[in-house]
Protein backbone atom coordinates (compact mmCIF):
# COMPACT_ATOMS: atom_id res chain seq x y z
CA UNK A 1 3.34 30.79 -15.44
CA UNK A 2 5.73 34.04 -14.50
CA UNK A 3 5.21 34.07 -10.77
CA UNK A 4 7.62 33.77 -8.00
CA UNK A 5 6.62 30.30 -7.29
CA UNK A 6 7.61 29.39 -11.27
CA UNK A 7 4.16 27.82 -11.10
CA UNK A 8 3.61 24.82 -14.00
CA UNK A 9 -0.01 24.23 -15.18
CA UNK A 10 -0.88 20.74 -17.02
CA UNK A 11 -3.82 21.29 -19.31
CA UNK A 12 -5.83 18.56 -21.12
CA UNK A 13 -6.01 18.70 -25.04
CA UNK A 14 -9.16 17.56 -25.21
CA UNK A 15 -11.12 19.10 -22.67
CA UNK A 16 -8.90 22.32 -21.37
CA UNK A 17 -9.22 21.11 -17.82
CA UNK A 18 -6.38 21.87 -15.36
CA UNK A 19 -5.20 18.31 -14.27
CA UNK A 20 -2.33 19.05 -12.43
CA UNK A 21 -0.64 22.14 -10.65
CA UNK A 22 2.95 22.17 -9.71
CA UNK A 23 5.52 24.85 -8.02
CA UNK A 24 9.40 24.96 -7.86
CA UNK A 25 9.32 23.84 -4.30
CA UNK A 26 7.06 20.73 -5.14
CA UNK A 27 8.81 19.88 -7.79
CA UNK A 28 11.94 19.62 -5.64
CA UNK A 29 10.71 17.79 -3.01
CA UNK A 30 9.21 15.22 -5.63
CA UNK A 31 12.69 14.84 -7.42
CA UNK A 32 14.35 14.10 -3.90
CA UNK A 33 11.31 11.81 -3.00
CA UNK A 34 9.14 9.95 -5.10
CA UNK A 35 11.50 10.05 -8.38
CA UNK A 36 14.52 8.95 -6.59
CA UNK A 37 12.43 6.22 -4.31
CA UNK A 38 10.66 4.54 -7.18
CA UNK A 39 12.90 5.71 -9.99
CA UNK A 40 10.41 7.95 -11.92
CA UNK A 41 12.87 9.23 -14.28
CA UNK A 42 10.65 10.05 -17.52
CA UNK A 43 12.71 8.38 -20.15
CA UNK A 44 12.61 5.14 -17.96
CA UNK A 45 8.80 5.33 -16.75
CA UNK A 46 7.79 5.67 -20.33
CA UNK A 47 8.91 2.05 -20.73
CA UNK A 48 6.63 0.22 -18.19
CA UNK A 49 7.83 -3.30 -18.68
CA UNK A 50 11.51 -2.03 -18.50
CA UNK A 51 11.06 0.23 -15.68
CA UNK A 52 9.41 -2.91 -13.70
CA UNK A 53 12.47 -4.80 -14.22
CA UNK A 54 14.78 -2.30 -13.27
CA UNK A 55 13.20 -1.80 -9.85
CA UNK A 56 12.44 -5.66 -9.38
CA UNK A 57 16.19 -6.52 -10.23
CA UNK A 58 17.75 -3.49 -8.21
CA UNK A 59 15.65 -4.61 -5.21
CA UNK A 60 16.76 -8.14 -5.67
CA UNK A 61 20.56 -7.24 -5.54
CA UNK A 62 20.03 -4.40 -2.80
CA UNK A 63 18.11 -7.34 -0.58
CA UNK A 64 21.34 -9.67 -1.42
CA UNK A 65 23.83 -6.73 -0.50
CA UNK A 66 22.47 -6.05 2.48
CA UNK A 67 22.23 -9.82 3.34
CA UNK A 68 25.77 -10.21 2.89
CA UNK A 69 26.83 -7.08 4.48
CA UNK A 70 25.16 -8.03 7.51
CA UNK A 71 26.35 -11.46 8.02
CA UNK A 72 30.15 -10.07 7.25
CA UNK A 73 29.63 -7.20 9.92
CA UNK A 74 28.51 -9.52 12.50
CA UNK A 75 31.35 -12.34 11.27
CA UNK A 76 33.90 -9.28 11.88
CA UNK A 77 32.47 -7.90 14.91
CA UNK A 78 34.93 -8.79 17.96
CA UNK A 79 33.65 -7.72 21.27
CA UNK A 80 35.53 -10.06 23.48
CA UNK A 81 39.06 -9.97 21.97
CA UNK A 82 38.85 -6.76 19.96
CA UNK A 83 41.16 -5.48 17.48
CA UNK A 84 44.22 -3.35 18.22
CA UNK A 85 44.02 -0.25 16.00
CA UNK A 86 46.52 2.75 16.84
CA UNK A 87 47.10 1.60 20.44
CA UNK A 88 43.25 1.34 20.83
CA UNK A 89 41.14 -1.49 21.28
CA UNK A 90 38.45 -1.48 19.10
CA UNK A 91 35.35 -4.08 18.37
CA UNK A 92 35.34 -3.45 14.70
CA UNK A 93 38.32 -4.13 12.50
CA UNK A 94 37.75 -0.72 10.39
CA UNK A 95 38.76 2.80 11.05
CA UNK A 96 37.07 6.20 9.86
CA UNK A 97 33.93 6.16 7.91
CA UNK A 98 33.93 2.23 7.49
CA UNK A 99 33.91 2.12 11.31
CA UNK A 100 30.81 4.12 11.23
CA UNK A 101 29.40 2.04 8.52
CA UNK A 102 30.08 -1.11 10.32
CA UNK A 103 28.32 -0.18 13.45
CA UNK A 104 25.39 1.52 11.61
CA UNK A 105 24.88 -1.85 9.85
CA UNK A 106 24.89 -3.96 12.84
CA UNK A 107 22.09 -1.35 14.10
CA UNK A 108 20.16 -0.53 11.15
CA UNK A 109 21.18 -3.47 8.74
CA UNK A 110 18.45 -5.84 9.38
CA UNK A 111 15.62 -3.14 9.07
CA UNK A 112 17.21 -1.58 5.83
CA UNK A 113 17.42 -5.04 4.31
CA UNK A 114 13.54 -5.47 5.22
CA UNK A 115 12.98 -2.05 3.62
CA UNK A 116 14.30 -3.03 0.30
CA UNK A 117 12.68 -6.70 0.41
CA UNK A 118 9.35 -5.26 1.12
CA UNK A 119 9.91 -2.58 -1.70
CA UNK A 120 10.48 -5.66 -3.98
CA UNK A 121 7.18 -7.10 -2.76
CA UNK A 122 5.60 -3.84 -3.44
CA UNK A 123 5.80 -4.59 -7.59
CA UNK A 124 3.90 -7.68 -6.84
CA UNK A 125 7.10 -9.83 -8.81
CA UNK A 126 5.82 -12.76 -10.81
CA UNK A 127 2.41 -12.14 -9.61
CA UNK A 128 3.01 -14.05 -6.50
CA UNK A 129 0.10 -13.43 -4.61
CA UNK A 130 -3.69 -12.72 -5.61
CA UNK A 131 -5.64 -9.53 -5.68
CA UNK A 132 -7.73 -8.59 -2.71
CA UNK A 133 -10.73 -7.48 -4.94
CA UNK A 134 -13.60 -10.20 -4.62
CA UNK A 135 -13.86 -12.44 -7.88
CA UNK A 136 -16.66 -11.72 -10.48
CA UNK A 137 -18.67 -14.76 -9.22
CA UNK A 138 -18.48 -13.67 -5.66
CA UNK A 139 -19.56 -9.88 -6.59
CA UNK A 140 -22.55 -11.46 -8.61
CA UNK A 141 -23.62 -13.48 -5.71
CA UNK A 142 -24.33 -10.25 -3.88
CA UNK A 143 -25.26 -7.83 -7.00
CA UNK A 144 -27.55 -10.45 -8.86
CA UNK A 145 -26.08 -9.17 -12.07
CA UNK A 146 -24.39 -6.52 -13.71
CA UNK A 147 -25.75 -3.01 -13.57
CA UNK A 148 -27.92 -2.55 -16.98
CA UNK A 149 -27.73 1.43 -17.92
CA UNK A 150 -31.03 0.91 -19.55
CA UNK A 151 -32.76 0.11 -16.47
CA UNK A 152 -31.68 3.26 -14.93
CA UNK A 153 -34.42 5.42 -16.01
CA UNK A 154 -34.03 9.49 -15.50
CA UNK A 155 -37.27 9.10 -13.54
CA UNK A 156 -36.12 6.65 -11.08
CA UNK A 157 -32.75 8.29 -10.51
CA UNK A 158 -34.57 11.46 -9.67
CA UNK A 159 -36.73 9.75 -7.31
CA UNK A 160 -33.94 8.12 -5.66
CA UNK A 161 -31.94 11.26 -5.40
CA UNK A 162 -35.05 13.30 -3.55
CA UNK A 163 -35.37 10.31 -1.09
CA UNK A 164 -31.48 10.20 -0.39
CA UNK A 165 -31.01 13.88 0.04
CA UNK A 166 -34.01 16.23 0.10
CA UNK A 167 -31.65 19.39 0.09
CA UNK A 168 -30.15 17.87 -2.78
CA UNK A 169 -27.37 15.30 -3.10
CA UNK A 170 -23.67 16.01 -3.99
CA UNK A 171 -22.55 12.10 -4.97
CA UNK A 172 -24.41 8.95 -4.90
CA UNK A 173 -23.45 5.41 -5.93
CA UNK A 174 -25.53 3.04 -7.86
CA UNK A 175 -25.45 -0.35 -6.56
CA UNK A 176 -27.16 -3.80 -7.17
CA UNK A 177 -28.11 -6.16 -4.47
CA UNK A 178 -29.65 -9.38 -5.40
CA UNK A 179 -31.08 -7.82 -8.66
CA UNK A 180 -32.48 -4.61 -6.86
CA UNK A 181 -31.07 -1.08 -7.62
CA UNK A 182 -30.07 1.28 -4.77
CA UNK A 183 -28.55 4.74 -4.37
CA UNK A 184 -26.18 4.62 -2.02
CA UNK A 185 -24.85 7.75 -0.29
CA UNK A 186 -23.09 8.49 3.30
CA UNK A 187 -26.62 8.70 4.50
CA UNK A 188 -27.64 5.38 3.39
CA UNK A 189 -29.35 3.32 1.01
CA UNK A 190 -32.65 4.20 -1.17
CA UNK A 191 -34.46 1.40 -2.93
CA UNK A 192 -34.84 2.51 -6.58
CA UNK A 193 -37.71 0.08 -6.88
CA UNK A 194 -39.84 1.66 -3.80
CA UNK A 195 -37.93 5.12 -2.99
CA UNK A 196 -41.03 5.61 -0.69
CA UNK A 197 -39.31 3.60 1.77
CA UNK A 198 -37.02 6.27 2.40
CA UNK A 199 -33.50 5.94 3.69
CA UNK A 200 -32.38 2.47 4.81
CA UNK A 201 -29.35 2.71 6.97
CA UNK A 202 -28.52 -0.83 6.27
CA UNK A 203 -29.07 -4.50 4.67
CA UNK A 204 -30.64 -6.56 7.38
CA UNK A 205 -28.14 -8.85 9.03
CA UNK A 206 -29.90 -12.09 7.65
CA UNK A 207 -29.66 -11.40 4.31
CA UNK A 208 -26.00 -10.44 4.63
CA UNK A 209 -25.34 -13.72 6.23
CA UNK A 210 -27.62 -15.67 3.40
CA UNK A 211 -25.40 -13.79 0.81
CA UNK A 212 -22.13 -15.02 2.48
CA UNK A 213 -23.07 -18.77 1.97
CA UNK A 214 -24.21 -17.82 -1.70
CA UNK A 215 -20.80 -16.23 -2.47
CA UNK A 216 -18.73 -19.49 -2.10
CA UNK A 217 -21.82 -22.34 -2.29
CA UNK A 218 -19.28 -25.01 -2.31
CA UNK A 219 -17.23 -24.18 0.39
CA UNK A 220 -18.32 -24.47 4.10
CA UNK A 221 -17.85 -21.53 6.37
CA UNK A 222 -15.25 -21.99 9.00
CA UNK A 223 -16.14 -18.79 11.08
CA UNK A 224 -18.60 -15.91 10.85
CA UNK A 225 -18.46 -12.93 12.99
CA UNK A 226 -19.67 -8.95 12.94
CA UNK A 227 -16.80 -6.69 12.95
CA UNK A 228 -17.38 -3.39 15.18
CA UNK A 229 -13.67 -2.51 14.79
CA UNK A 230 -10.91 -3.11 12.29
CA UNK A 231 -8.89 -6.38 12.37
CA UNK A 232 -5.48 -6.47 10.84
CA UNK A 233 -6.60 -6.70 7.23
CA UNK A 234 -9.60 -4.41 6.92
CA UNK A 235 -8.39 -1.30 8.55
CA UNK A 236 -8.05 2.20 7.91
CA UNK A 237 -6.01 4.60 9.79
CA UNK A 238 -8.17 7.75 8.91
CA UNK A 239 -11.40 5.27 9.82
CA UNK A 240 -12.96 5.79 6.21
CA UNK A 241 -13.82 2.23 5.86
CA UNK A 242 -17.58 1.32 7.22
CA UNK A 243 -18.08 -0.37 9.87
CA UNK A 244 -19.67 -2.85 10.67
CA UNK A 245 -19.01 -5.27 8.45
CA UNK A 246 -19.47 -9.11 8.26
CA UNK A 247 -15.94 -11.22 8.11
CA UNK A 248 -16.43 -14.69 6.65
CA UNK A 249 -13.93 -17.54 7.01
CA UNK A 250 -14.16 -20.40 4.31
CA UNK A 251 -12.76 -23.67 4.31
CA UNK A 252 -11.38 -23.98 1.07
CA UNK A 253 -7.44 -24.75 -0.28
CA UNK A 254 -6.78 -20.92 -0.25
CA UNK A 255 -8.27 -20.20 3.10
CA UNK A 256 -10.57 -17.13 1.82
CA UNK A 257 -11.73 -14.61 3.97
CA UNK A 258 -14.67 -12.20 2.73
CA UNK A 259 -15.80 -8.79 4.21
CA UNK A 260 -19.36 -7.87 3.77
CA UNK A 261 -20.56 -4.47 3.91
CA UNK A 262 -24.31 -4.13 4.68
CA UNK A 263 -24.27 -0.36 4.51
CA UNK A 264 -22.80 -0.45 0.92
CA UNK A 265 -24.57 -3.93 -0.12
CA UNK A 266 -21.60 -5.27 -1.27
CA UNK A 267 -18.83 -7.45 -0.65
CA UNK A 268 -15.71 -5.32 -0.41
CA UNK A 269 -12.73 -7.13 0.29
CA UNK A 270 -11.39 -10.44 -0.28
CA UNK A 271 -8.44 -12.25 1.55
CA UNK A 272 -6.22 -15.60 0.85
CA UNK A 273 -3.41 -17.07 2.45
CA UNK A 274 -1.02 -15.41 0.59
CA UNK A 275 -2.54 -11.91 0.20
CA UNK A 276 -2.38 -12.40 4.26
CA UNK A 277 1.36 -13.09 3.99
CA UNK A 278 1.87 -9.95 1.73
CA UNK A 279 -0.03 -7.81 4.18
CA UNK A 280 2.83 -8.34 6.70
CA UNK A 281 5.56 -8.76 4.53
CA UNK A 282 4.81 -5.47 2.38
CA UNK A 283 2.63 -3.59 4.32
CA UNK A 284 3.95 -4.37 7.94
CA UNK A 285 7.63 -4.26 7.10
CA UNK A 286 7.83 -1.61 4.51
CA UNK A 287 5.08 0.92 6.09
CA UNK A 288 5.70 -0.50 9.77
CA UNK A 289 1.93 -0.47 10.01
CA UNK A 290 1.73 -3.33 12.87
CA UNK A 291 -1.29 -2.85 14.90
CA UNK A 292 0.70 -1.75 18.14
CA UNK A 293 2.33 0.67 16.03
CA UNK A 294 0.03 1.82 13.22
CA UNK A 295 -2.49 4.14 15.17
CA UNK A 296 -0.12 5.51 17.88
CA UNK A 297 1.11 8.78 16.48
CA UNK A 298 3.22 10.70 16.73
CA UNK A 299 4.95 7.28 17.87
CA UNK A 300 4.75 5.78 14.71
CA UNK A 301 6.06 8.90 12.95
CA UNK A 302 9.17 9.12 15.37
CA UNK A 303 10.09 5.19 14.88
CA UNK A 304 9.93 5.81 10.85
CA UNK A 305 12.32 8.69 11.09
CA UNK A 306 14.95 7.33 13.40
CA UNK A 307 14.97 3.99 11.43
CA UNK A 308 15.23 6.24 8.12
CA UNK A 309 18.10 8.49 9.46
CA UNK A 310 19.55 5.33 10.41
CA UNK A 311 19.20 3.80 6.88
CA UNK A 312 20.75 7.25 5.43
CA UNK A 313 23.69 7.07 7.69
CA UNK A 314 24.12 3.34 6.72
CA UNK A 315 24.36 4.19 3.16
CA UNK A 316 26.18 7.58 3.40
CA UNK A 317 29.03 5.95 5.20
CA UNK A 318 30.12 3.87 2.16
CA UNK A 319 30.43 7.17 -0.16
CA UNK A 320 33.87 8.33 0.95
CA UNK A 321 35.43 5.05 1.18
CA UNK A 322 33.84 3.95 -2.10
CA UNK A 323 35.09 7.11 -4.05
CA UNK A 324 38.76 6.42 -2.88
CA UNK A 325 38.17 3.15 -4.24
CA UNK A 326 37.04 4.33 -7.61
CA UNK A 327 38.80 7.39 -8.17
CA UNK A 328 42.35 6.09 -9.09
CA UNK A 329 40.88 3.98 -11.56
CA UNK A 330 38.57 6.35 -13.07
CA UNK A 331 41.24 8.90 -13.44
CA UNK A 332 43.48 6.26 -15.26
CA UNK A 333 41.00 5.52 -17.70
CA UNK A 334 40.10 9.06 -18.27
CA UNK A 335 44.31 9.61 -18.73
CA UNK A 336 44.40 7.22 -21.57
């Protein structure tokens, strides 16, 4: 568009819908942010498998380099005897930008290492942990079978919609619970078999508890508890996930946990030993969403900003020294 914001619109060929709108400012920050962060250069990103390998292996190389640099930096630090440079004593044997790099690495090197390593885990390399989505068998223990569109007649849908919101519902979700259909909305559930009952706030606790046993029938239950507040695995900063939920821990080899939502008539999350480990190694180390910090804003923002600035200093202080090392060799090759 010929406007001062240099607007670009993306329109689908099939439906003619505008699916994306960008301006010059957004594209600039997109390049400096998301594109560089995820190496989202279009020629590379079009080849999904290649892009995945590039991100994984550069993350592995970055983690190894950070660990090596951190170990060397600790080894070369001499707080007691020091180093005599230009008639001055320093803890570091380096001078100029390299001294700043040495000290920045000692302060921010560990966090930089964990950020790169947790970024590697965001790619789920080699499928090292399972999904947090419930299995098909666990879902069907709750639903009683897949949704059959032929059973959802127009009359049944209209009756459920009228009972859901007499003023007109904007959005509903059709769910199946123990073989029966319900229209679910923010206000509650409406039975499509008997919409005259009106809104049901939630499924009865005893029915949910019975389903927890049916979801994994051959596995003993270790613990069952109703959660009225988020735990370390079922959580949301904006409070969008519904409460209460029933958390059930099973005594199987994978130490499975299932979360049942009575207001949605569904099993909404599955946790296993490896997914819980991934929660801390990826989400904890990469996003710093530790419970003691995650809900305390702007403290969380300040910590992330300070650590990010430290990582920038750590990276930038090597550029001048690296360029001095590379420039003579580059000049000689170009002169040939």
